[in-house]
Amino acid sequence: MKPLHIILSVIGGAVAGAAIGLLLAPEKGEDTRKQITKFLKEKGITLKKSQMEDLVDEIADELKK
């Protein structure tokens, strides 16, 4: 595997882990979504509200599997 792929895998895993950790936190869903949005913005990723809701729903669906 190329070093770039390894680095991108680690970063992707960190982002996914942070998102899952936030989703499982004992806070209100609205607060959790705000935290996810803030985290993604800090990483340079901006999403519209509907896109953020879709992402959160997709992650939640994956966790249920």
Protein backbone atom coordinates (compact mmCIF):
# COMPACT_ATOMS: atom_id res chain seq x y z
CA MET A 1 0.00 0.00 0.00
CA LYS A 2 1.25 3.48 -0.78
CA PRO A 3 2.04 5.80 2.14
CA LEU A 4 -0.62 8.27 0.96
CA HIS A 5 -3.29 5.58 1.13
CA ILE A 6 -2.24 4.71 4.66
CA ILE A 7 -2.37 8.34 5.75
CA LEU A 8 -5.78 8.87 4.16
CA SER A 9 -7.05 5.67 5.80
CA VAL A 10 -5.90 6.85 9.21
CA ILE A 11 -7.50 10.27 8.74
CA GLY A 12 -10.72 8.71 7.47
CA GLY A 13 -10.81 6.36 10.44
CA ALA A 14 -10.25 9.23 12.84
CA VAL A 15 -13.09 11.25 11.34
CA ALA A 16 -15.42 8.24 11.37
CA GLY A 17 -14.47 7.42 14.94
CA ALA A 18 -15.08 10.97 16.08
CA ALA A 19 -18.46 11.05 14.35
CA ILE A 20 -19.50 7.74 15.92
CA GLY A 21 -18.30 8.89 19.32
CA LEU A 22 -20.37 12.02 19.03
CA LEU A 23 -23.41 10.09 17.91
CA LEU A 24 -23.20 7.77 20.88
CA ALA A 25 -22.65 10.58 23.37
CA PRO A 26 -25.46 11.10 25.88
CA GLU A 27 -26.54 14.46 24.51
CA LYS A 28 -29.51 15.72 22.57
CA GLY A 29 -29.47 14.95 18.86
CA GLU A 30 -29.52 18.64 17.99
CA ASP A 31 -26.46 19.31 20.14
CA THR A 32 -24.68 16.32 18.66
CA ARG A 33 -25.37 17.50 15.11
CA LYS A 34 -24.00 20.94 15.98
CA GLN A 35 -20.84 19.32 17.34
CA ILE A 36 -20.44 17.22 14.19
CA THR A 37 -20.91 20.31 12.03
CA LYS A 38 -18.35 22.23 14.09
CA PHE A 39 -15.86 19.35 13.88
CA LEU A 40 -16.24 19.06 10.10
CA LYS A 41 -15.88 22.83 9.63
CA GLU A 42 -12.66 22.74 11.66
CA LYS A 43 -11.40 20.11 9.22
CA GLY A 44 -12.35 22.30 6.26
CA ILE A 45 -15.49 20.37 5.29
CA THR A 46 -18.64 22.43 4.91
CA LEU A 47 -22.06 20.89 4.36
CA LYS A 48 -25.54 22.30 3.97
CA LYS A 49 -27.97 21.44 6.76
CA SER A 50 -29.75 18.84 4.62
CA GLN A 51 -26.43 17.24 3.66
CA MET A 52 -25.39 17.11 7.31
CA GLU A 53 -28.66 15.44 8.27
CA ASP A 54 -28.17 12.90 5.48
CA LEU A 55 -24.64 12.17 6.72
CA VAL A 56 -25.79 11.73 10.32
CA ASP A 57 -28.64 9.45 9.19
CA GLU A 58 -26.24 7.39 7.07
CA ILE A 59 -23.83 6.96 9.99
CA ALA A 60 -26.70 6.03 12.30
CA ASP A 61 -27.92 3.42 9.79
CA GLU A 62 -24.45 1.91 9.56
CA LEU A 63 -24.27 1.65 13.34
CA LYS A 64 -27.55 -0.28 13.43
CA LYS A 65 -26.19 -2.99 11.11
